Amino acid sequence: MPLVDWRLWKAQVKAESAFKPGAVSPVGAMGLAQIMPATFADIGRKAGIKGNPFDPEVNLMAGAY
């Protein structure tokens, strides 16, 4: 996982999803970091991050990537 200042990342996640791991935006962004499905798939190919995009650990790693 890239080095990300945890305070900045916490503020971003709060703004994106209000810390709700099952959050889905009106346009389809998913999880804590509000990642779009196509972006999640692309990150999976490039960084090897795979799994359920609603799993907090997977979603946070993908979002930080």
Foldseek 3Di string as FASTA:
>chain_A
DDDDDVVVLVVQLCVPAVQQLQDADPVGQHGSNRHHPVLLVVCCVVVVQDDDCSPNVSVSVSSVD
